[in-house]
All heavy atoms as atom14 arrays in JSON, in Angstrom:
{
  "sequence": "LGGGTFLGLCCLLTGCSTFEEALELASRGESTQVDKLVRDIYGGDY",
  "atom14_mask": [
    [1, 1, 1, 1, 1, 1, 1, 1, 0, 0, 0, 0, 0, 0],
    [1, 1, 1, 1, 0, 0, 0, 0, 0, 0, 0, 0, 0, 0],
    [1, 1, 1, 1, 0, 0, 0, 0, 0, 0, 0, 0, 0, 0],
    [1, 1, 1, 1, 0, 0, 0, 0, 0, 0, 0, 0, 0, 0],
    [1, 1, 1, 1, 1, 1, 1, 0, 0, 0, 0, 0, 0, 0],
    [1, 1, 1, 1, 1, 1, 1, 1, 1, 1, 1, 0, 0, 0],
    [1, 1, 1, 1, 1, 1, 1, 1, 0, 0, 0, 0, 0, 0],
    [1, 1, 1, 1, 0, 0, 0, 0, 0, 0, 0, 0, 0, 0],
    [1, 1, 1, 1, 1, 1, 1, 1, 0, 0, 0, 0, 0, 0],
    [1, 1, 1, 1, 1, 1, 0, 0, 0, 0, 0, 0, 0, 0],
    [1, 1, 1, 1, 1, 1, 0, 0, 0, 0, 0, 0, 0, 0],
    [1, 1, 1, 1, 1, 1, 1, 1, 0, 0, 0, 0, 0, 0],
    [1, 1, 1, 1, 1, 1, 1, 1, 0, 0, 0, 0, 0, 0],
    [1, 1, 1, 1, 1, 1, 1, 0, 0, 0, 0, 0, 0, 0],
    [1, 1, 1, 1, 0, 0, 0, 0, 0, 0, 0, 0, 0, 0],
    [1, 1, 1, 1, 1, 1, 0, 0, 0, 0, 0, 0, 0, 0],
    [1, 1, 1, 1, 1, 1, 0, 0, 0, 0, 0, 0, 0, 0],
    [1, 1, 1, 1, 1, 1, 1, 0, 0, 0, 0, 0, 0, 0],
    [1, 1, 1, 1, 1, 1, 1, 1, 1, 1, 1, 0, 0, 0],
    [1, 1, 1, 1, 1, 1, 1, 1, 1, 0, 0, 0, 0, 0],
    [1, 1, 1, 1, 1, 1, 1, 1, 1, 0, 0, 0, 0, 0],
    [1, 1, 1, 1, 1, 0, 0, 0, 0, 0, 0, 0, 0, 0],
    [1, 1, 1, 1, 1, 1, 1, 1, 0, 0, 0, 0, 0, 0],
    [1, 1, 1, 1, 1, 1, 1, 1, 1, 0, 0, 0, 0, 0],
    [1, 1, 1, 1, 1, 1, 1, 1, 0, 0, 0, 0, 0, 0],
    [1, 1, 1, 1, 1, 0, 0, 0, 0, 0, 0, 0, 0, 0],
    [1, 1, 1, 1, 1, 1, 0, 0, 0, 0, 0, 0, 0, 0],
    [1, 1, 1, 1, 1, 1, 1, 1, 1, 1, 1, 0, 0, 0],
    [1, 1, 1, 1, 0, 0, 0, 0, 0, 0, 0, 0, 0, 0],
    [1, 1, 1, 1, 1, 1, 1, 1, 1, 0, 0, 0, 0, 0],
    [1, 1, 1, 1, 1, 1, 0, 0, 0, 0, 0, 0, 0, 0],
    [1, 1, 1, 1, 1, 1, 1, 0, 0, 0, 0, 0, 0, 0],
    [1, 1, 1, 1, 1, 1, 1, 1, 1, 0, 0, 0, 0, 0],
    [1, 1, 1, 1, 1, 1, 1, 0, 0, 0, 0, 0, 0, 0],
    [1, 1, 1, 1, 1, 1, 1, 1, 0, 0, 0, 0, 0, 0],
    [1, 1, 1, 1, 1, 1, 1, 1, 1, 0, 0, 0, 0, 0],
    [1, 1, 1, 1, 1, 1, 1, 1, 0, 0, 0, 0, 0, 0],
    [1, 1, 1, 1, 1, 1, 1, 0, 0, 0, 0, 0, 0, 0],
    [1, 1, 1, 1, 1, 1, 1, 1, 1, 1, 1, 0, 0, 0],
    [1, 1, 1, 1, 1, 1, 1, 1, 0, 0, 0, 0, 0, 0],
    [1, 1, 1, 1, 1, 1, 1, 1, 0, 0, 0, 0, 0, 0],
    [1, 1, 1, 1, 1, 1, 1, 1, 1, 1, 1, 1, 0, 0],
    [1, 1, 1, 1, 0, 0, 0, 0, 0, 0, 0, 0, 0, 0],
    [1, 1, 1, 1, 0, 0, 0, 0, 0, 0, 0, 0, 0, 0],
    [1, 1, 1, 1, 1, 1, 1, 1, 0, 0, 0, 0, 0, 0],
    [1, 1, 1, 1, 1, 1, 1, 1, 1, 1, 1, 1, 0, 0]
  ],
  "atom14_positions": [
    [[0.52, -13.04, -7.01], [0.29, -11.72, -6.42], [-0.35, -10.81, -7.45], [0.34, -10.2, -8.28], [1.61, -11.12, -5.93], [2.42, -11.97, -4.95], [3.65, -11.23, -4.48], [1.56, -12.38, -3.76], [0.0, 0.0, 0.0], [0.0, 0.0, 0.0], [0.0, 0.0, 0.0], [0.0, 0.0, 0.0], [0.0, 0.0, 0.0], [0.0, 0.0, 0.0]],
    [[-1.67, -10.75, -7.44], [-2.4, -9.95, -8.42], [-3.48, -9.11, -7.77], [-3.34, -8.68, -6.62], [0.0, 0.0, 0.0], [0.0, 0.0, 0.0], [0.0, 0.0, 0.0], [0.0, 0.0, 0.0], [0.0, 0.0, 0.0], [0.0, 0.0, 0.0], [0.0, 0.0, 0.0], [0.0, 0.0, 0.0], [0.0, 0.0, 0.0], [0.0, 0.0, 0.0]],
    [[-4.55, -8.89, -8.51], [-5.63, -8.05, -8.0], [-6.29, -8.62, -6.76], [-6.71, -7.87, -5.87], [0.0, 0.0, 0.0], [0.0, 0.0, 0.0], [0.0, 0.0, 0.0], [0.0, 0.0, 0.0], [0.0, 0.0, 0.0], [0.0, 0.0, 0.0], [0.0, 0.0, 0.0], [0.0, 0.0, 0.0], [0.0, 0.0, 0.0], [0.0, 0.0, 0.0]],
    [[-6.38, -9.94, -6.69], [-6.95, -10.56, -5.5], [-6.1, -10.32, -4.28], [-6.61, -10.17, -3.16], [0.0, 0.0, 0.0], [0.0, 0.0, 0.0], [0.0, 0.0, 0.0], [0.0, 0.0, 0.0], [0.0, 0.0, 0.0], [0.0, 0.0, 0.0], [0.0, 0.0, 0.0], [0.0, 0.0, 0.0], [0.0, 0.0, 0.0], [0.0, 0.0, 0.0]],
    [[-4.78, -10.28, -4.47], [-3.86, -9.99, -3.37], [-4.07, -8.58, -2.86], [-4.16, -8.34, -1.65], [-2.4, -10.14, -3.84], [-2.24, -11.39, -4.51], [-1.45, -10.06, -2.67], [0.0, 0.0, 0.0], [0.0, 0.0, 0.0], [0.0, 0.0, 0.0], [0.0, 0.0, 0.0], [0.0, 0.0, 0.0], [0.0, 0.0, 0.0], [0.0, 0.0, 0.0]],
    [[-4.15, -7.62, -3.78], [-4.37, -6.23, -3.39], [-5.66, -6.07, -2.61], [-5.68, -5.49, -1.52], [-4.39, -5.34, -4.63], [-4.94, -3.97, -4.39], [-4.3, -3.09, -3.54], [-6.12, -3.57, -5.02], [-4.83, -1.82, -3.31], [-6.65, -2.31, -4.79], [-6.0, -1.43, -3.93], [0.0, 0.0, 0.0], [0.0, 0.0, 0.0], [0.0, 0.0, 0.0]],
    [[-6.76, -6.62, -3.13], [-8.03, -6.46, -2.44], [-8.04, -7.21, -1.11], [-8.55, -6.7, -0.1], [-9.18, -6.95, -3.33], [-10.59, -6.85, -2.73], [-10.88, -5.42, -2.28], [-11.63, -7.32, -3.73], [0.0, 0.0, 0.0], [0.0, 0.0, 0.0], [0.0, 0.0, 0.0], [0.0, 0.0, 0.0], [0.0, 0.0, 0.0], [0.0, 0.0, 0.0]],
    [[-7.47, -8.42, -1.09], [-7.44, -9.18, 0.15], [-6.66, -8.46, 1.23], [-7.11, -8.4, 2.4], [0.0, 0.0, 0.0], [0.0, 0.0, 0.0], [0.0, 0.0, 0.0], [0.0, 0.0, 0.0], [0.0, 0.0, 0.0], [0.0, 0.0, 0.0], [0.0, 0.0, 0.0], [0.0, 0.0, 0.0], [0.0, 0.0, 0.0], [0.0, 0.0, 0.0]],
    [[-5.5, -7.9, 0.89], [-4.71, -7.17, 1.86], [-5.45, -5.93, 2.35], [-5.44, -5.61, 3.55], [-3.37, -6.76, 1.25], [-2.34, -7.87, 1.05], [-1.11, -7.33, 0.3], [-1.91, -8.46, 2.38], [0.0, 0.0, 0.0], [0.0, 0.0, 0.0], [0.0, 0.0, 0.0], [0.0, 0.0, 0.0], [0.0, 0.0, 0.0], [0.0, 0.0, 0.0]],
    [[-6.11, -5.23, 1.44], [-6.84, -4.03, 1.83], [-8.01, -4.37, 2.75], [-8.29, -3.63, 3.71], [-7.33, -3.28, 0.6], [-6.01, -2.4, -0.28], [0.0, 0.0, 0.0], [0.0, 0.0, 0.0], [0.0, 0.0, 0.0], [0.0, 0.0, 0.0], [0.0, 0.0, 0.0], [0.0, 0.0, 0.0], [0.0, 0.0, 0.0], [0.0, 0.0, 0.0]],
    [[-8.7, -5.47, 2.46], [-9.8, -5.88, 3.34], [-9.28, -6.18, 4.75], [-9.91, -5.81, 5.75], [-10.5, -7.11, 2.76], [-11.46, -6.79, 1.27], [0.0, 0.0, 0.0], [0.0, 0.0, 0.0], [0.0, 0.0, 0.0], [0.0, 0.0, 0.0], [0.0, 0.0, 0.0], [0.0, 0.0, 0.0], [0.0, 0.0, 0.0], [0.0, 0.0, 0.0]],
    [[-8.13, -6.84, 4.83], [-7.55, -7.17, 6.13], [-7.05, -5.92, 6.86], [-7.25, -5.77, 8.07], [-6.39, -8.15, 5.95], [-6.74, -9.62, 5.69], [-5.48, -10.39, 5.32], [-7.39, -10.24, 6.92], [0.0, 0.0, 0.0], [0.0, 0.0, 0.0], [0.0, 0.0, 0.0], [0.0, 0.0, 0.0], [0.0, 0.0, 0.0], [0.0, 0.0, 0.0]],
    [[-6.36, -5.04, 6.13], [-5.66, -3.93, 6.76], [-6.52, -2.69, 6.97], [-6.24, -1.89, 7.87], [-4.44, -3.55, 5.92], [-3.36, -4.63, 5.77], [-2.32, -4.19, 4.75], [-2.7, -4.91, 7.11], [0.0, 0.0, 0.0], [0.0, 0.0, 0.0], [0.0, 0.0, 0.0], [0.0, 0.0, 0.0], [0.0, 0.0, 0.0], [0.0, 0.0, 0.0]],
    [[-7.54, -2.51, 6.15], [-8.32, -1.26, 6.21], [-9.79, -1.47, 6.53], [-10.48, -0.51, 6.85], [-8.23, -0.49, 4.89], [-9.0, -1.17, 3.88], [-6.78, -0.39, 4.41], [0.0, 0.0, 0.0], [0.0, 0.0, 0.0], [0.0, 0.0, 0.0], [0.0, 0.0, 0.0], [0.0, 0.0, 0.0], [0.0, 0.0, 0.0], [0.0, 0.0, 0.0]],
    [[-10.29, -2.7, 6.39], [-11.7, -2.95, 6.65], [-12.6, -2.65, 5.47], [-13.83, -2.72, 5.59], [0.0, 0.0, 0.0], [0.0, 0.0, 0.0], [0.0, 0.0, 0.0], [0.0, 0.0, 0.0], [0.0, 0.0, 0.0], [0.0, 0.0, 0.0], [0.0, 0.0, 0.0], [0.0, 0.0, 0.0], [0.0, 0.0, 0.0], [0.0, 0.0, 0.0]],
    [[-12.02, -2.33, 4.31], [-12.85, -2.07, 3.13], [-13.41, -3.4, 2.62], [-12.97, -4.48, 3.03], [-12.06, -1.36, 2.05], [-10.81, -2.39, 1.24], [0.0, 0.0, 0.0], [0.0, 0.0, 0.0], [0.0, 0.0, 0.0], [0.0, 0.0, 0.0], [0.0, 0.0, 0.0], [0.0, 0.0, 0.0], [0.0, 0.0, 0.0], [0.0, 0.0, 0.0]],
    [[-14.37, -3.33, 1.7], [-15.02, -4.55, 1.23], [-15.11, -4.66, -0.28], [-15.51, -5.7, -0.8], [-16.42, -4.67, 1.83], [-17.21, -3.53, 1.51], [0.0, 0.0, 0.0], [0.0, 0.0, 0.0], [0.0, 0.0, 0.0], [0.0, 0.0, 0.0], [0.0, 0.0, 0.0], [0.0, 0.0, 0.0], [0.0, 0.0, 0.0], [0.0, 0.0, 0.0]],
    [[-14.78, -3.59, -1.02], [-14.87, -3.64, -2.47], [-13.57, -3.13, -3.1], [-12.81, -2.37, -2.47], [-16.03, -2.78, -3.01], [-15.74, -1.38, -2.76], [-17.34, -3.16, -2.34], [0.0, 0.0, 0.0], [0.0, 0.0, 0.0], [0.0, 0.0, 0.0], [0.0, 0.0, 0.0], [0.0, 0.0, 0.0], [0.0, 0.0, 0.0], [0.0, 0.0, 0.0]],
    [[-13.36, -3.52, -4.35], [-12.17, -3.09, -5.08], [-12.18, -1.58, -5.27], [-11.15, -0.92, -5.12], [-12.15, -3.8, -6.44], [-10.93, -3.51, -7.26], [-9.69, -4.06, -6.93], [-11.0, -2.69, -8.38], [-8.56, -3.79, -7.69], [-9.89, -2.42, -9.14], [-8.66, -2.98, -8.8], [0.0, 0.0, 0.0], [0.0, 0.0, 0.0], [0.0, 0.0, 0.0]],
    [[-13.35, -1.03, -5.57], [-13.46, 0.41, -5.78], [-13.11, 1.18, -4.51], [-12.44, 2.22, -4.56], [-14.86, 0.77, -6.25], [-15.2, 0.32, -7.67], [-15.48, -1.17, -7.77], [-15.7, -1.82, -6.72], [-15.48, -1.7, -8.9], [0.0, 0.0, 0.0], [0.0, 0.0, 0.0], [0.0, 0.0, 0.0], [0.0, 0.0, 0.0], [0.0, 0.0, 0.0]],
    [[-13.57, 0.67, -3.37], [-13.25, 1.32, -2.11], [-11.76, 1.25, -1.81], [-11.15, 2.22, -1.33], [-14.04, 0.66, -0.97], [-13.9, 1.36, 0.37], [-14.69, 0.68, 1.48], [-15.41, -0.3, 1.18], [-14.58, 1.13, 2.63], [0.0, 0.0, 0.0], [0.0, 0.0, 0.0], [0.0, 0.0, 0.0], [0.0, 0.0, 0.0], [0.0, 0.0, 0.0]],
    [[-11.14, 0.11, -2.11], [-9.7, -0.06, -1.9], [-8.9, 0.92, -2.77], [-7.93, 1.54, -2.31], [-9.28, -1.5, -2.19], [0.0, 0.0, 0.0], [0.0, 0.0, 0.0], [0.0, 0.0, 0.0], [0.0, 0.0, 0.0], [0.0, 0.0, 0.0], [0.0, 0.0, 0.0], [0.0, 0.0, 0.0], [0.0, 0.0, 0.0], [0.0, 0.0, 0.0]],
    [[-9.32, 1.09, -4.03], [-8.64, 2.04, -4.92], [-8.79, 3.47, -4.43], [-7.85, 4.27, -4.5], [-9.18, 1.92, -6.34], [-8.68, 0.78, -7.21], [-9.3, 0.87, -8.59], [-7.16, 0.8, -7.31], [0.0, 0.0, 0.0], [0.0, 0.0, 0.0], [0.0, 0.0, 0.0], [0.0, 0.0, 0.0], [0.0, 0.0, 0.0], [0.0, 0.0, 0.0]],
    [[-9.98, 3.8, -3.93], [-10.21, 5.15, -3.42], [-9.31, 5.44, -2.23], [-8.72, 6.52, -2.12], [-11.68, 5.3, -3.04], [-12.02, 6.61, -2.33], [-11.71, 7.84, -3.16], [-11.69, 7.74, -4.41], [-11.5, 8.91, -2.56], [0.0, 0.0, 0.0], [0.0, 0.0, 0.0], [0.0, 0.0, 0.0], [0.0, 0.0, 0.0], [0.0, 0.0, 0.0]],
    [[-9.18, 4.47, -1.34], [-8.27, 4.64, -0.2], [-6.83, 4.82, -0.69], [-6.11, 5.71, -0.22], [-8.36, 3.43, 0.73], [-9.63, 3.29, 1.58], [-9.66, 1.92, 2.25], [-9.7, 4.39, 2.63], [0.0, 0.0, 0.0], [0.0, 0.0, 0.0], [0.0, 0.0, 0.0], [0.0, 0.0, 0.0], [0.0, 0.0, 0.0], [0.0, 0.0, 0.0]],
    [[-6.41, 3.98, -1.63], [-5.04, 4.04, -2.13], [-4.74, 5.38, -2.79], [-3.61, 5.9, -2.7], [-4.8, 2.91, -3.12], [0.0, 0.0, 0.0], [0.0, 0.0, 0.0], [0.0, 0.0, 0.0], [0.0, 0.0, 0.0], [0.0, 0.0, 0.0], [0.0, 0.0, 0.0], [0.0, 0.0, 0.0], [0.0, 0.0, 0.0], [0.0, 0.0, 0.0]],
    [[-5.73, 5.97, -3.44], [-5.52, 7.24, -4.13], [-5.23, 8.38, -3.17], [-4.67, 9.42, -3.56], [-6.74, 7.59, -4.99], [-7.85, 7.94, -4.17], [0.0, 0.0, 0.0], [0.0, 0.0, 0.0], [0.0, 0.0, 0.0], [0.0, 0.0, 0.0], [0.0, 0.0, 0.0], [0.0, 0.0, 0.0], [0.0, 0.0, 0.0], [0.0, 0.0, 0.0]],
    [[-5.59, 8.2, -1.9], [-5.38, 9.25, -0.9], [-4.26, 8.92, 0.07], [-4.05, 9.64, 1.05], [-6.69, 9.49, -0.13], [-7.81, 10.06, -0.99], [-9.06, 10.39, -0.2], [-9.95, 9.25, -0.04], [-10.21, 8.65, 1.11], [-9.64, 9.08, 2.22], [-11.03, 7.62, 1.16], [0.0, 0.0, 0.0], [0.0, 0.0, 0.0], [0.0, 0.0, 0.0]],
    [[-3.52, 7.85, -0.18], [-2.48, 7.43, 0.74], [-1.07, 7.73, 0.25], [-0.87, 8.21, -0.87], [0.0, 0.0, 0.0], [0.0, 0.0, 0.0], [0.0, 0.0, 0.0], [0.0, 0.0, 0.0], [0.0, 0.0, 0.0], [0.0, 0.0, 0.0], [0.0, 0.0, 0.0], [0.0, 0.0, 0.0], [0.0, 0.0, 0.0], [0.0, 0.0, 0.0]],
    [[-0.1, 7.46, 1.11], [1.32, 7.67, 0.8], [2.09, 6.42, 1.21], [2.25, 6.14, 2.39], [1.85, 8.89, 1.55], [3.32, 9.17, 1.33], [3.68, 9.24, -0.14], [3.28, 10.2, -0.81], [4.36, 8.3, -0.6], [0.0, 0.0, 0.0], [0.0, 0.0, 0.0], [0.0, 0.0, 0.0], [0.0, 0.0, 0.0], [0.0, 0.0, 0.0]],
    [[2.58, 5.68, 0.23], [3.2, 4.39, 0.51], [4.54, 4.5, 1.2], [5.0, 3.56, 1.86], [3.35, 3.58, -0.78], [4.17, 4.27, -1.71], [0.0, 0.0, 0.0], [0.0, 0.0, 0.0], [0.0, 0.0, 0.0], [0.0, 0.0, 0.0], [0.0, 0.0, 0.0], [0.0, 0.0, 0.0], [0.0, 0.0, 0.0], [0.0, 0.0, 0.0]],
    [[5.21, 5.65, 1.08], [6.54, 5.79, 1.68], [6.48, 5.78, 3.21], [7.51, 5.62, 3.87], [7.23, 7.08, 1.21], [6.39, 8.2, 1.52], [7.47, 7.03, -0.28], [0.0, 0.0, 0.0], [0.0, 0.0, 0.0], [0.0, 0.0, 0.0], [0.0, 0.0, 0.0], [0.0, 0.0, 0.0], [0.0, 0.0, 0.0], [0.0, 0.0, 0.0]],
    [[5.28, 5.96, 3.77], [5.13, 5.86, 5.22], [5.17, 4.4, 5.67], [5.48, 4.1, 6.82], [3.81, 6.49, 5.66], [3.62, 7.94, 5.27], [4.67, 8.83, 5.89], [4.99, 8.72, 7.07], [5.23, 9.73, 5.08], [0.0, 0.0, 0.0], [0.0, 0.0, 0.0], [0.0, 0.0, 0.0], [0.0, 0.0, 0.0], [0.0, 0.0, 0.0]],
    [[4.88, 3.5, 4.75], [4.78, 2.07, 5.06], [6.01, 1.32, 4.59], [6.55, 0.45, 5.3], [3.51, 1.47, 4.4], [3.4, -0.02, 4.72], [2.27, 2.22, 4.87], [0.0, 0.0, 0.0], [0.0, 0.0, 0.0], [0.0, 0.0, 0.0], [0.0, 0.0, 0.0], [0.0, 0.0, 0.0], [0.0, 0.0, 0.0], [0.0, 0.0, 0.0]],
    [[6.48, 1.63, 3.39], [7.61, 0.92, 2.8], [8.95, 1.48, 3.3], [9.07, 2.67, 3.61], [7.58, 1.05, 1.27], [6.34, 0.42, 0.67], [5.79, -0.51, 1.29], [5.92, 0.86, -0.42], [0.0, 0.0, 0.0], [0.0, 0.0, 0.0], [0.0, 0.0, 0.0], [0.0, 0.0, 0.0], [0.0, 0.0, 0.0], [0.0, 0.0, 0.0]],
    [[9.95, 0.62, 3.35], [11.3, 1.05, 3.65], [12.02, 1.31, 2.34], [12.09, 0.43, 1.48], [12.04, -0.01, 4.47], [13.47, 0.41, 4.87], [14.08, -0.6, 5.83], [13.41, -0.49, 7.19], [14.13, -1.34, 8.2], [0.0, 0.0, 0.0], [0.0, 0.0, 0.0], [0.0, 0.0, 0.0], [0.0, 0.0, 0.0], [0.0, 0.0, 0.0]],
    [[12.53, 2.52, 2.18], [13.18, 2.93, 0.94], [14.69, 2.75, 1.03], [15.25, 2.56, 2.12], [12.84, 4.39, 0.63], [11.36, 4.77, 0.65], [11.19, 6.25, 0.29], [10.55, 3.89, -0.28], [0.0, 0.0, 0.0], [0.0, 0.0, 0.0], [0.0, 0.0, 0.0], [0.0, 0.0, 0.0], [0.0, 0.0, 0.0], [0.0, 0.0, 0.0]],
    [[15.34, 2.84, -0.12], [16.8, 2.73, -0.14], [17.43, 3.78, 0.76], [18.39, 3.52, 1.5], [17.32, 2.85, -1.59], [18.83, 3.05, -1.62], [16.95, 1.61, -2.4], [0.0, 0.0, 0.0], [0.0, 0.0, 0.0], [0.0, 0.0, 0.0], [0.0, 0.0, 0.0], [0.0, 0.0, 0.0], [0.0, 0.0, 0.0], [0.0, 0.0, 0.0]],
    [[16.89, 5.0, 0.74], [17.46, 6.07, 1.58], [17.26, 5.83, 3.06], [18.02, 6.37, 3.89], [16.86, 7.42, 1.18], [15.37, 7.57, 1.41], [14.94, 9.02, 1.2], [13.5, 9.18, 1.3], [12.69, 9.4, 0.27], [13.2, 9.46, -0.95], [11.4, 9.55, 0.45], [0.0, 0.0, 0.0], [0.0, 0.0, 0.0], [0.0, 0.0, 0.0]],
    [[16.24, 5.02, 3.42], [16.06, 4.68, 4.83], [17.16, 3.76, 5.33], [17.42, 3.68, 6.54], [14.7, 3.99, 5.03], [13.53, 4.91, 4.7], [13.65, 6.12, 4.96], [12.5, 4.4, 4.21], [0.0, 0.0, 0.0], [0.0, 0.0, 0.0], [0.0, 0.0, 0.0], [0.0, 0.0, 0.0], [0.0, 0.0, 0.0], [0.0, 0.0, 0.0]],
    [[17.82, 3.07, 4.4], [18.89, 2.13, 4.76], [20.26, 2.77, 4.58], [21.14, 2.66, 5.46], [18.79, 0.85, 3.91], [17.43, 0.17, 4.14], [19.93, -0.11, 4.21], [17.17, -1.0, 3.24], [0.0, 0.0, 0.0], [0.0, 0.0, 0.0], [0.0, 0.0, 0.0], [0.0, 0.0, 0.0], [0.0, 0.0, 0.0], [0.0, 0.0, 0.0]],
    [[20.45, 3.48, 3.44], [21.76, 4.03, 3.1], [21.89, 5.52, 3.4], [22.97, 6.08, 3.27], [22.07, 3.79, 1.62], [22.44, 2.36, 1.33], [21.46, 1.43, 0.99], [23.76, 1.93, 1.4], [21.79, 0.1, 0.73], [24.11, 0.62, 1.14], [23.11, -0.3, 0.81], [23.46, -1.6, 0.55], [0.0, 0.0, 0.0], [0.0, 0.0, 0.0]],
    [[20.79, 6.15, 3.76], [20.83, 7.59, 4.0], [20.8, 8.4, 2.72], [20.91, 9.63, 2.74], [0.0, 0.0, 0.0], [0.0, 0.0, 0.0], [0.0, 0.0, 0.0], [0.0, 0.0, 0.0], [0.0, 0.0, 0.0], [0.0, 0.0, 0.0], [0.0, 0.0, 0.0], [0.0, 0.0, 0.0], [0.0, 0.0, 0.0], [0.0, 0.0, 0.0]],
    [[20.66, 7.74, 1.59], [20.63, 8.41, 0.28], [20.61, 7.37, -0.82], [20.06, 6.28, -0.64], [0.0, 0.0, 0.0], [0.0, 0.0, 0.0], [0.0, 0.0, 0.0], [0.0, 0.0, 0.0], [0.0, 0.0, 0.0], [0.0, 0.0, 0.0], [0.0, 0.0, 0.0], [0.0, 0.0, 0.0], [0.0, 0.0, 0.0], [0.0, 0.0, 0.0]],
    [[21.24, 7.68, -1.95], [21.29, 6.74, -3.06], [22.3, 5.62, -2.8], [23.27, 5.8, -2.05], [21.69, 7.46, -4.36], [20.72, 8.56, -4.74], [19.58, 8.54, -4.24], [21.12, 9.44, -5.52], [0.0, 0.0, 0.0], [0.0, 0.0, 0.0], [0.0, 0.0, 0.0], [0.0, 0.0, 0.0], [0.0, 0.0, 0.0], [0.0, 0.0, 0.0]],
    [[22.06, 4.46, -3.42], [23.06, 3.39, -3.44], [23.72, 3.48, -4.81], [23.34, 2.81, -5.76], [22.37, 2.05, -3.23], [23.29, 0.87, -3.01], [24.67, 1.03, -2.91], [22.78, -0.41, -2.9], [25.51, -0.04, -2.71], [23.62, -1.52, -2.69], [24.98, -1.32, -2.6], [25.82, -2.38, -2.39], [0.0, 0.0, 0.0], [0.0, 0.0, 0.0]]
  ]
}
């Protein structure tokens, strides 16, 4: 799971085609909308 994974996932999920484009998209995004956090499970800290 390295740089090829990141670019491959971005090409599949966003339609981008270059590493630079994928980084630009990532710089404007918020991962907490996608990932499940500890507080989403426990309602706060564990």
